[in-house]
N, C-alpha and C. Protein backbone atom coordinates (compact mmCIF):
# COMPACT_ATOMS: atom_id res chain seq x y z
N UNK A 1 46.83 55.39 53.49
CA UNK A 1 48.25 55.59 54.07
C UNK A 1 49.30 54.35 53.32
N UNK A 2 49.11 53.22 53.49
CA UNK A 2 50.23 52.25 52.54
C UNK A 2 50.54 52.90 51.06
N UNK A 3 49.26 52.99 50.59
CA UNK A 3 49.14 53.80 49.23
C UNK A 3 49.92 54.75 49.03
N UNK A 4 50.16 56.05 50.06
CA UNK A 4 50.42 57.53 50.22
C UNK A 4 51.63 57.06 50.19
N UNK A 5 52.70 56.59 50.78
CA UNK A 5 53.93 55.82 50.92
C UNK A 5 54.59 55.03 49.90
N UNK A 6 53.62 54.42 49.14
CA UNK A 6 54.16 53.60 48.27
C UNK A 6 54.40 54.87 47.26
N UNK A 7 53.72 55.75 46.97
CA UNK A 7 53.62 56.75 45.48
C UNK A 7 55.04 57.42 46.25
N UNK A 8 55.35 57.93 47.69
CA UNK A 8 56.10 58.84 47.86
C UNK A 8 57.88 58.11 47.51
N UNK A 9 58.12 56.95 47.90
CA UNK A 9 58.91 56.13 47.17
C UNK A 9 59.24 55.97 45.96
N UNK A 10 57.95 55.93 45.14
CA UNK A 10 58.20 55.88 44.18
C UNK A 10 58.54 57.11 42.89
N UNK A 11 58.18 58.48 44.23
CA UNK A 11 58.45 59.71 43.11
C UNK A 11 59.79 60.06 43.98
N UNK A 12 60.40 59.39 44.84
CA UNK A 12 61.71 59.43 45.43
C UNK A 12 62.40 59.00 43.94
N UNK A 13 62.50 57.50 43.84
CA UNK A 13 63.49 56.92 42.88
C UNK A 13 63.21 57.35 41.59
N UNK A 14 61.86 57.90 41.32
CA UNK A 14 62.40 58.87 39.78
C UNK A 14 63.31 59.91 39.81
N UNK A 15 62.98 60.51 41.11
CA UNK A 15 64.13 61.98 41.19
C UNK A 15 65.46 61.61 41.44
N UNK A 16 65.81 60.57 41.98
CA UNK A 16 67.18 60.07 42.34
C UNK A 16 67.56 59.99 40.76
N UNK A 17 66.69 59.11 40.00
CA UNK A 17 67.13 58.63 38.22
C UNK A 17 67.53 59.94 37.37
N UNK A 18 66.47 61.38 37.73
CA UNK A 18 66.68 62.34 37.17
C UNK A 18 67.77 62.83 36.91
N UNK A 19 68.03 62.93 38.64
CA UNK A 19 69.16 63.29 39.10
C UNK A 19 70.63 63.02 38.50
N UNK A 20 70.56 61.51 38.38
CA UNK A 20 71.94 60.92 37.73
C UNK A 20 72.25 61.50 36.80
N UNK A 21 70.35 61.23 35.57
CA UNK A 21 70.93 61.80 34.27
C UNK A 21 71.28 63.34 34.00
N UNK A 22 70.88 64.00 34.75
CA UNK A 22 71.40 65.23 34.64
C UNK A 22 72.99 65.37 35.17
N UNK A 23 73.83 64.59 35.82
CA UNK A 23 74.66 65.26 36.68
C UNK A 23 75.53 64.19 36.39
N UNK A 24 75.32 63.07 35.71
CA UNK A 24 76.67 62.51 34.99
C UNK A 24 77.38 62.92 34.47
N UNK A 25 77.25 63.85 33.12
CA UNK A 25 78.35 64.56 32.68
C UNK A 25 79.38 64.61 33.56
N UNK A 26 78.80 65.79 34.48
CA UNK A 26 79.50 66.74 35.57
C UNK A 26 80.26 65.49 36.09
N UNK A 27 80.37 64.70 36.42
CA UNK A 27 80.74 63.14 37.33
C UNK A 27 82.18 63.24 36.68
N UNK A 28 81.89 62.58 35.44
CA UNK A 28 82.40 61.96 34.09
C UNK A 28 83.56 62.82 34.34
N UNK A 29 84.07 64.40 34.41
CA UNK A 29 84.73 64.92 34.05
C UNK A 29 85.74 65.29 35.61
N UNK A 30 85.30 65.00 36.55
CA UNK A 30 86.15 65.10 37.76
C UNK A 30 87.15 64.24 37.67
N UNK A 31 88.34 64.30 37.92
CA UNK A 31 89.80 64.09 38.20
C UNK A 31 89.97 62.97 39.01
N UNK A 32 90.39 62.02 39.63
CA UNK A 32 90.41 60.59 40.48
C UNK A 32 91.11 61.71 41.29
N UNK A 33 90.75 61.75 42.54
CA UNK A 33 91.71 62.18 43.71
C UNK A 33 92.25 61.50 44.64
N UNK A 34 93.46 61.92 45.26
CA UNK A 34 93.91 61.27 46.03
C UNK A 34 93.24 61.82 47.45
N UNK A 35 93.15 60.74 48.68
CA UNK A 35 92.64 61.69 49.99
C UNK A 35 93.84 62.09 50.79
N UNK A 36 94.98 62.10 50.58
CA UNK A 36 96.67 63.15 50.76
C UNK A 36 97.03 62.17 51.26
N UNK A 37 96.72 60.71 51.27
CA UNK A 37 98.05 60.07 52.32
C UNK A 37 99.09 59.68 51.44
N UNK A 38 99.67 58.55 51.49
CA UNK A 38 100.75 57.75 51.20
C UNK A 38 100.67 56.61 50.05
N UNK A 39 99.63 56.85 49.04
CA UNK A 39 98.79 55.38 48.75
C UNK A 39 99.67 54.90 47.87
N UNK A 40 100.34 56.13 47.05
CA UNK A 40 100.67 55.68 45.86
C UNK A 40 102.00 55.15 46.06
N UNK A 41 102.18 54.55 44.71
CA UNK A 41 103.66 53.24 44.55
C UNK A 41 104.82 54.20 44.74
N UNK A 42 105.78 54.19 45.03
CA UNK A 42 107.07 54.66 45.60
C UNK A 42 107.32 55.78 43.87
N UNK A 43 107.56 56.51 43.34
CA UNK A 43 108.05 56.92 42.55
C UNK A 43 108.86 58.33 42.38
N UNK A 44 109.74 58.36 41.37
CA UNK A 44 110.59 60.11 41.56
C UNK A 44 110.01 61.09 40.58
N UNK A 45 110.47 62.43 40.79
CA UNK A 45 110.07 63.16 40.17
C UNK A 45 110.85 63.26 39.02
N UNK A 46 110.65 63.11 37.81
CA UNK A 46 111.80 63.09 36.88
C UNK A 46 111.24 64.19 35.86
N UNK A 47 111.36 65.05 34.94
CA UNK A 47 110.50 65.97 33.97
C UNK A 47 112.01 66.28 33.19
N UNK A 48 112.12 67.44 31.93
CA UNK A 48 112.62 68.38 31.44
C UNK A 48 112.03 68.93 30.95
N UNK A 49 111.79 70.32 30.93
CA UNK A 49 110.55 71.28 31.03
C UNK A 49 111.37 72.13 30.85
N UNK A 50 110.64 73.42 30.02
CA UNK A 50 110.78 75.01 29.65
C UNK A 50 110.46 75.37 31.09
N UNK A 51 111.05 76.55 31.71
CA UNK A 51 110.59 77.49 32.58
C UNK A 51 110.11 78.91 32.47
N UNK A 52 109.42 79.56 33.24
CA UNK A 52 109.15 80.77 32.71
C UNK A 52 109.52 81.51 32.00
N UNK A 53 110.99 81.40 32.27
CA UNK A 53 112.24 82.67 31.89
C UNK A 53 112.42 82.15 30.24
N UNK A 54 111.81 80.63 30.02
CA UNK A 54 112.99 80.32 28.70
C UNK A 54 113.67 79.57 29.04
N UNK A 55 113.82 78.70 29.90
CA UNK A 55 115.30 77.95 30.12
C UNK A 55 115.00 76.05 30.20
N UNK A 56 115.71 75.55 30.05
CA UNK A 56 115.51 74.38 30.37
C UNK A 56 116.02 73.78 31.45
N UNK A 57 114.56 72.94 32.23
CA UNK A 57 114.99 72.62 33.52
C UNK A 57 114.62 71.21 33.67
N UNK A 58 115.42 70.40 34.60
CA UNK A 58 115.23 69.33 34.72
C UNK A 58 115.58 68.96 36.37
N UNK A 59 114.63 67.43 36.83
CA UNK A 59 114.27 67.24 38.19
C UNK A 59 115.87 67.55 38.97
N UNK A 60 116.79 67.44 37.90
CA UNK A 60 118.73 67.09 38.65
C UNK A 60 118.49 68.49 39.19
N UNK A 61 117.89 69.96 38.36
CA UNK A 61 118.28 71.08 38.73
C UNK A 61 117.84 71.55 40.13
N UNK A 62 116.99 70.87 40.87
CA UNK A 62 116.74 71.07 41.77
C UNK A 62 116.94 69.58 42.83
N UNK A 63 117.66 69.23 42.80
CA UNK A 63 118.33 67.81 43.96
C UNK A 63 119.11 69.12 45.22
N UNK A 64 118.86 67.89 46.09
CA UNK A 64 118.81 68.75 47.40
C UNK A 64 117.86 69.39 47.72
N UNK A 65 116.52 70.08 47.55
CA UNK A 65 115.52 70.64 47.83
C UNK A 65 114.16 69.55 47.85
N UNK A 66 113.58 70.13 48.69
CA UNK A 66 112.12 69.78 48.60
C UNK A 66 111.37 70.58 47.91
N UNK A 67 110.47 69.35 47.25
CA UNK A 67 109.60 70.07 45.97
C UNK A 67 108.42 69.71 46.03
N UNK A 68 107.53 70.73 46.34
CA UNK A 68 106.10 71.41 46.06
C UNK A 68 105.52 71.35 44.89
N UNK A 69 105.31 70.05 44.28
CA UNK A 69 104.95 70.25 42.51
C UNK A 69 103.24 70.24 42.49
N UNK A 70 102.32 71.20 41.78
CA UNK A 70 100.90 71.25 41.53
C UNK A 70 100.76 71.09 39.93
N UNK A 71 100.15 70.38 39.20
CA UNK A 71 100.36 70.65 38.33
C UNK A 71 98.67 71.17 37.97
N UNK A 72 98.57 72.42 36.49
CA UNK A 72 97.30 72.89 36.14
C UNK A 72 97.81 73.32 35.05
N UNK A 73 96.51 75.30 35.29
CA UNK A 73 96.61 75.83 34.18
C UNK A 73 96.42 76.95 34.31
N UNK A 74 96.68 77.86 33.42
CA UNK A 74 96.58 79.32 33.92
C UNK A 74 95.22 79.92 33.94
N UNK A 75 94.37 79.49 33.51
CA UNK A 75 93.31 79.91 31.95
C UNK A 75 92.13 78.85 33.25
N UNK A 76 92.65 78.35 34.39
CA UNK A 76 91.54 77.21 35.55
C UNK A 76 91.19 78.56 36.70
N UNK A 77 89.79 78.54 36.55
CA UNK A 77 88.98 79.77 37.10
C UNK A 77 89.27 79.52 38.74
N UNK A 78 89.70 78.11 39.23
CA UNK A 78 88.87 78.50 41.08
C UNK A 78 90.74 77.28 41.73
N UNK A 79 90.43 76.37 41.39
CA UNK A 79 91.46 75.47 42.32
C UNK A 79 92.88 75.83 42.00
N UNK A 80 93.39 75.66 40.85
CA UNK A 80 94.37 76.38 40.56
C UNK A 80 94.63 77.68 41.01
N UNK A 81 94.34 78.65 41.36
CA UNK A 81 94.66 79.91 41.50
C UNK A 81 94.35 79.88 43.32
N UNK A 82 93.73 78.84 44.02
CA UNK A 82 94.02 78.64 45.17
C UNK A 82 94.37 78.07 45.75
N UNK A 83 95.31 76.73 44.77
CA UNK A 83 96.40 76.29 45.50
C UNK A 83 97.54 76.65 45.53
N UNK A 84 97.88 77.67 44.51
CA UNK A 84 99.15 78.55 43.99
C UNK A 84 99.15 79.52 45.40
N UNK A 85 97.83 80.06 45.85
CA UNK A 85 97.77 80.96 46.98
C UNK A 85 97.94 79.94 48.22
N UNK A 86 97.92 78.97 48.33
CA UNK A 86 98.04 78.32 49.51
C UNK A 86 99.47 77.92 49.31
N UNK A 87 100.04 78.05 48.42
CA UNK A 87 101.62 77.14 47.80
C UNK A 87 102.33 78.61 48.35
N UNK A 88 102.00 79.77 48.18
CA UNK A 88 102.68 80.78 48.80
C UNK A 88 102.84 81.35 50.01
N UNK A 89 101.42 80.89 50.50
CA UNK A 89 101.49 81.26 52.46
C UNK A 89 102.39 80.35 52.67
N UNK A 90 102.12 79.02 52.16
CA UNK A 90 103.30 78.27 52.79
C UNK A 90 104.93 78.48 52.63
N UNK A 91 104.90 79.20 51.35
CA UNK A 91 106.70 79.48 51.35
C UNK A 91 106.76 80.86 51.94
N UNK A 92 105.98 81.40 52.34
CA UNK A 92 106.14 82.79 53.32
C UNK A 92 106.11 82.19 55.38
N UNK A 93 105.59 81.46 54.64
CA UNK A 93 105.06 80.66 56.21
C UNK A 93 106.51 80.02 57.03
N UNK A 94 107.49 79.68 55.97
CA UNK A 94 109.22 79.19 56.13
C UNK A 94 109.85 79.82 56.18
N UNK A 95 109.63 81.04 56.14
CA UNK A 95 110.78 82.31 56.15
C UNK A 95 111.56 81.52 55.85
N UNK A 96 113.18 82.20 56.68
CA UNK A 96 114.36 81.64 56.55
C UNK A 96 114.25 80.12 55.66
N UNK A 97 113.60 79.05 56.17
CA UNK A 97 114.04 77.82 55.39
C UNK A 97 113.05 77.72 54.07
N UNK A 98 112.69 78.30 53.29
CA UNK A 98 111.78 78.72 52.36
C UNK A 98 113.18 77.78 51.22
N UNK A 99 114.08 78.36 51.50
CA UNK A 99 115.45 78.21 50.54
C UNK A 99 115.47 76.76 50.42
N UNK A 100 115.22 76.02 50.78
CA UNK A 100 115.52 74.55 51.41
C UNK A 100 113.84 73.94 50.41
N UNK A 101 112.90 74.39 49.74
CA UNK A 101 111.71 74.34 49.74
C UNK A 101 111.88 74.78 47.88
N UNK A 102 111.23 74.08 46.97
CA UNK A 102 110.97 74.39 45.49
C UNK A 102 109.73 74.04 45.34
N UNK A 103 108.89 75.49 44.83
CA UNK A 103 107.78 75.03 44.21
C UNK A 103 107.36 74.73 43.08
N UNK A 104 106.91 74.03 42.44
CA UNK A 104 106.95 74.08 40.62
C UNK A 104 105.53 73.95 40.58
N UNK A 105 105.19 74.65 39.13
CA UNK A 105 103.49 74.94 38.93
C UNK A 105 103.84 74.33 37.43
N UNK A 106 103.86 73.06 36.90
CA UNK A 106 103.62 72.34 35.78
C UNK A 106 102.15 72.10 34.90
N UNK A 107 102.25 72.91 34.04
CA UNK A 107 100.94 73.37 33.08
C UNK A 107 100.44 72.01 32.56
N UNK A 108 99.71 71.85 32.38
CA UNK A 108 98.78 70.59 31.91
C UNK A 108 98.30 71.37 30.51
N UNK A 109 98.35 72.45 29.76
CA UNK A 109 97.97 72.84 29.08
C UNK A 109 98.82 73.60 28.14
N UNK A 110 99.66 72.99 27.45
CA UNK A 110 100.59 73.49 26.58
C UNK A 110 100.49 74.32 25.61
N UNK A 111 99.46 73.91 25.51
CA UNK A 111 98.99 74.92 24.08
C UNK A 111 98.34 76.38 24.47
N UNK A 112 98.24 76.56 25.44
CA UNK A 112 98.31 78.15 25.65
C UNK A 112 98.92 78.39 26.91
N UNK A 113 99.39 77.58 27.52
CA UNK A 113 100.45 78.01 28.24
C UNK A 113 101.94 78.35 27.98
N UNK A 114 102.32 78.63 27.49
CA UNK A 114 103.84 79.43 26.67
C UNK A 114 104.54 79.59 28.20
N UNK A 115 105.83 79.61 28.24
CA UNK A 115 106.86 80.49 28.98
C UNK A 115 106.22 81.73 29.56
N UNK A 116 106.23 82.57 27.96
CA UNK A 116 105.65 84.12 28.55
C UNK A 116 103.87 84.24 29.01
N UNK A 117 103.43 83.21 28.65
CA UNK A 117 101.80 83.58 28.87
C UNK A 117 102.25 83.06 31.08
N UNK A 118 102.85 82.30 30.72
CA UNK A 118 103.58 81.63 32.60
C UNK A 118 104.28 83.07 33.15
N UNK A 119 104.89 83.69 32.73
CA UNK A 119 105.96 84.39 33.33
C UNK A 119 104.53 85.51 33.68
N UNK A 120 103.41 85.72 33.11
CA UNK A 120 103.10 86.13 33.04
C UNK A 120 101.58 86.20 34.45
N UNK A 121 101.96 84.86 34.89
CA UNK A 121 101.12 84.34 35.73
C UNK A 121 101.48 83.89 37.30
N UNK A 122 102.21 83.12 36.70
CA UNK A 122 103.20 82.80 38.38
C UNK A 122 103.21 83.68 39.23
N UNK A 123 104.21 84.54 38.75
CA UNK A 123 105.04 85.26 40.02
C UNK A 123 103.71 85.92 40.42
N UNK A 124 102.58 86.14 40.09
CA UNK A 124 101.67 87.02 41.05
C UNK A 124 101.36 86.64 42.26
N UNK A 125 101.55 84.66 42.32
CA UNK A 125 101.60 84.73 43.79
C UNK A 125 102.65 84.49 44.80
N UNK A 126 103.81 84.49 43.30
CA UNK A 126 105.19 84.14 44.99
C UNK A 126 106.02 83.90 43.95
N UNK A 127 107.43 84.94 44.26
CA UNK A 127 108.58 84.94 43.62
C UNK A 127 108.83 83.86 43.59
N UNK A 128 108.90 82.97 44.57
CA UNK A 128 109.65 81.68 44.23
C UNK A 128 109.07 80.92 43.35
N UNK A 129 107.68 80.29 43.17
CA UNK A 129 107.28 79.47 42.17
C UNK A 129 107.45 79.51 41.24
N UNK A 130 108.49 78.43 40.45
CA UNK A 130 108.95 78.18 39.11
C UNK A 130 107.28 78.20 38.06
N UNK A 131 107.03 78.04 37.23
CA UNK A 131 106.50 77.55 36.27
C UNK A 131 106.60 76.58 34.93
N UNK A 132 106.64 75.52 34.92
CA UNK A 132 106.65 74.61 33.77
C UNK A 132 106.47 74.62 32.46
N UNK A 133 106.28 74.32 31.20
CA UNK A 133 105.67 74.08 30.47
C UNK A 133 106.71 73.03 29.15
N UNK A 134 106.07 73.21 28.23
CA UNK A 134 107.05 72.35 27.13
C UNK A 134 105.56 71.51 26.18
N UNK A 135 106.74 70.59 25.44
CA UNK A 135 105.20 70.71 24.29
C UNK A 135 104.63 68.98 24.83
N UNK A 136 103.70 69.19 23.64
CA UNK A 136 102.56 68.19 24.12
C UNK A 136 102.55 66.87 24.78
N UNK A 137 103.79 66.12 24.09
CA UNK A 137 104.10 65.26 24.20
C UNK A 137 105.12 65.01 25.78
N UNK A 138 105.67 66.36 26.21
CA UNK A 138 106.82 66.13 27.57
C UNK A 138 105.97 66.30 28.21
N UNK A 139 104.63 67.32 28.08
CA UNK A 139 104.02 67.43 29.63
C UNK A 139 102.93 66.12 29.52
N UNK A 140 102.99 65.19 28.40
CA UNK A 140 102.39 64.04 28.40
C UNK A 140 102.91 63.19 29.48
N UNK A 141 104.37 62.64 28.69
CA UNK A 141 104.89 61.69 29.66
C UNK A 141 105.56 62.50 31.09
N UNK A 142 105.59 63.39 31.35
CA UNK A 142 105.58 64.05 32.77
C UNK A 142 104.23 63.89 33.48
N UNK A 143 102.92 64.03 33.04
CA UNK A 143 102.31 63.56 33.47
C UNK A 143 102.22 62.00 34.16
N UNK A 144 102.19 61.48 33.35
CA UNK A 144 102.85 59.55 33.31
C UNK A 144 103.43 59.69 34.45
N UNK A 145 104.66 59.94 34.50
CA UNK A 145 105.58 60.18 35.24
C UNK A 145 105.30 60.57 36.63
N UNK A 146 104.46 61.61 36.94
CA UNK A 146 104.10 62.12 38.57
C UNK A 146 102.64 60.84 38.30
N UNK A 147 102.12 59.85 37.54
CA UNK A 147 100.47 59.61 37.70
C UNK A 147 99.58 60.06 37.84
N UNK A 148 99.41 61.33 37.41
CA UNK A 148 98.44 62.15 37.27
C UNK A 148 97.39 62.27 35.94
N UNK A 149 96.09 62.49 36.26
CA UNK A 149 95.24 62.48 34.84
C UNK A 149 94.87 64.24 34.83
N UNK A 150 94.78 64.00 33.44
CA UNK A 150 94.59 65.43 32.90
C UNK A 150 93.69 65.27 31.35
N UNK A 151 92.89 66.02 31.17
CA UNK A 151 91.71 65.82 29.84
C UNK A 151 91.39 67.21 29.58
N UNK A 152 91.86 67.68 28.02
CA UNK A 152 90.25 68.71 27.05
C UNK A 152 89.65 68.25 27.19
N UNK A 153 88.79 69.28 27.68
CA UNK A 153 87.31 69.28 28.02
C UNK A 153 86.51 70.33 27.41
N UNK A 154 85.67 69.61 25.88
CA UNK A 154 84.75 71.39 25.34
C UNK A 154 83.89 71.78 26.34
N UNK A 155 84.32 73.26 26.65
CA UNK A 155 83.58 74.60 27.26
C UNK A 155 83.27 75.40 26.36
N UNK A 156 81.97 75.71 26.22
CA UNK A 156 82.28 77.23 24.84
C UNK A 156 82.24 78.18 25.57
N UNK A 157 81.83 78.31 27.35
CA UNK A 157 82.06 79.61 27.54
C UNK A 157 83.58 79.57 28.14
N UNK A 158 84.73 78.94 27.75
CA UNK A 158 86.18 78.99 28.23
C UNK A 158 86.87 79.57 27.88
N UNK A 159 88.38 80.15 27.25
CA UNK A 159 89.02 80.98 26.26
C UNK A 159 89.34 79.77 25.62
N UNK A 160 89.06 79.76 23.95
CA UNK A 160 89.28 79.04 22.89
C UNK A 160 88.42 77.87 22.73
N UNK A 161 87.57 78.05 23.52
CA UNK A 161 86.26 76.85 23.57
C UNK A 161 86.60 75.38 24.31
N UNK A 162 87.61 75.56 25.05
CA UNK A 162 87.97 74.36 26.02
C UNK A 162 88.72 74.54 27.27
N UNK A 163 88.27 73.78 28.40
CA UNK A 163 89.05 73.68 29.54
C UNK A 163 89.88 72.13 29.88
N UNK A 164 90.46 72.08 30.81
CA UNK A 164 91.20 70.90 31.27
C UNK A 164 90.69 70.43 32.60
N UNK A 165 90.24 69.29 32.47
CA UNK A 165 90.22 68.65 33.97
C UNK A 165 91.66 67.70 34.44
N UNK A 166 91.85 67.52 35.26
CA UNK A 166 92.97 67.47 36.27
C UNK A 166 92.96 67.06 37.07
N UNK A 167 93.81 66.29 37.52
CA UNK A 167 94.31 66.11 39.04
C UNK A 167 94.59 67.24 39.76
N UNK A 168 94.56 67.04 41.30
CA UNK A 168 94.52 68.25 42.09
C UNK A 168 94.83 68.59 42.88
N UNK A 169 95.97 67.69 43.44
CA UNK A 169 96.66 67.40 44.49
C UNK A 169 98.01 68.51 44.33
N UNK A 170 98.46 68.51 45.44
CA UNK A 170 99.80 68.84 45.84
C UNK A 170 100.36 67.84 46.05
N UNK A 171 101.67 67.83 45.33
CA UNK A 171 102.92 66.81 45.68
C UNK A 171 103.94 66.94 46.42
N UNK A 172 104.66 66.26 47.13
CA UNK A 172 105.45 67.15 48.08
C UNK A 172 106.54 65.54 47.66
N UNK A 173 107.83 66.39 47.33
CA UNK A 173 108.86 65.29 47.17
C UNK A 173 110.32 65.45 47.94
N UNK A 174 110.94 64.54 48.39
CA UNK A 174 111.73 64.69 49.17
C UNK A 174 113.30 65.24 47.92
N UNK A 175 114.22 65.69 49.25
CA UNK A 175 115.70 66.16 48.66
C UNK A 175 116.11 65.21 47.93
N UNK A 176 115.84 63.78 47.54
CA UNK A 176 116.58 63.07 46.86
C UNK A 176 115.39 63.07 45.07
N UNK A 177 114.01 63.38 45.80
CA UNK A 177 113.54 63.29 44.11
C UNK A 177 112.45 62.43 44.38
N UNK A 178 112.24 61.32 45.52
CA UNK A 178 111.03 60.82 45.92
C UNK A 178 110.29 61.17 46.43
N UNK A 179 109.16 60.32 46.07
CA UNK A 179 107.46 60.88 46.03
C UNK A 179 107.23 60.68 47.57
N UNK A 180 107.03 61.88 48.49
CA UNK A 180 106.86 61.50 50.26
C UNK A 180 105.26 61.62 50.06
N UNK A 181 104.29 62.18 49.72
CA UNK A 181 102.89 62.30 50.25
C UNK A 181 102.60 63.26 48.92
N UNK A 182 100.96 63.43 48.82
CA UNK A 182 100.14 64.51 47.96
C UNK A 182 99.13 64.99 49.11
N UNK A 183 99.33 66.52 49.40
CA UNK A 183 97.76 66.83 50.30
C UNK A 183 96.65 66.85 49.07
N UNK A 184 95.46 66.44 49.41
CA UNK A 184 94.02 66.61 48.72
C UNK A 184 94.50 68.25 48.74
N UNK A 185 93.43 68.56 47.66
CA UNK A 185 93.30 70.05 47.37
C UNK A 185 92.04 70.57 48.47
N UNK A 186 92.12 71.37 48.87
CA UNK A 186 91.45 72.41 50.02
C UNK A 186 92.30 71.91 51.24
N UNK A 187 93.62 71.03 51.67
CA UNK A 187 94.28 70.83 52.79
C UNK A 187 94.68 72.92 53.19
N UNK A 188 94.39 73.26 54.13
CA UNK A 188 94.88 74.60 54.26
C UNK A 188 96.42 74.77 54.54
N UNK A 189 97.20 75.84 54.07
CA UNK A 189 98.38 76.19 54.38
C UNK A 189 98.81 76.06 55.29
N UNK A 190 98.00 76.42 56.76
CA UNK A 190 98.88 76.04 57.82
C UNK A 190 99.15 74.34 58.03
N UNK A 191 98.47 73.41 57.50
CA UNK A 191 98.33 71.98 57.72
C UNK A 191 99.93 71.63 56.67
N UNK A 192 100.31 71.94 55.48
CA UNK A 192 100.86 71.72 54.57
C UNK A 192 102.16 72.50 55.54
N UNK A 193 102.44 73.42 55.90
CA UNK A 193 103.46 74.17 56.66
C UNK A 193 103.73 73.50 58.04
N UNK A 194 102.78 73.04 58.86
CA UNK A 194 103.14 72.32 59.57
C UNK A 194 103.95 70.84 59.40
N UNK A 195 103.24 70.67 58.33
CA UNK A 195 104.12 68.95 57.84
C UNK A 195 105.39 69.29 57.48
N UNK A 196 105.58 70.12 56.36
CA UNK A 196 106.80 70.15 55.97
C UNK A 196 108.25 71.33 57.25
N UNK A 197 107.22 71.58 57.89
CA UNK A 197 108.16 72.10 59.22
C UNK A 197 108.93 70.46 59.97
N UNK A 198 108.01 69.79 60.00
CA UNK A 198 108.73 68.29 61.32
C UNK A 198 109.64 67.53 59.93
N UNK A 199 109.75 68.01 58.97
CA UNK A 199 110.72 67.52 58.04
C UNK A 199 111.81 67.93 57.88
N UNK A 200 111.75 69.33 58.13
CA UNK A 200 113.26 70.62 57.67
C UNK A 200 114.26 70.21 58.32
């Protein structure tokens, strides 16, 4: 009996080691996530990028509005469309107060996400969402300002042979551009809407 127990333990250890070997590459690709609270040090939304209509836009253009900011890319298969759909539901739920909130979608893939590409993609979710892109350097500096993670990942099955790993939080900034909180990926639109309604 004791020998059988030892064998089962050994098999369990072997299985865990094998599982670790095969899943390690996947876990290394995952970006660091926020739990959705206000853990980050205070910072301000600062950027100068090109919107999906070809106009230069900066944080100053949205002074006085609450900002909902999400970083992603148009070839994203799931996280980005889901979050943008949730953002659209929030904007619809705000009704007449929606004009006090500005949702922004900032690409982490400027190589493919040109203004014209964003113009095809972003309006599919909601007319109030503004897509923003720029040079690789501009996106890098913007990402650093917002304290997000993104990385180009080789993926043969994806368009052009690569995908983008990136932080998946939806950021909320106050009308002065100050960081308020980050909603973790998967936060229901109802919860985001409830939070916003308590602040407007």
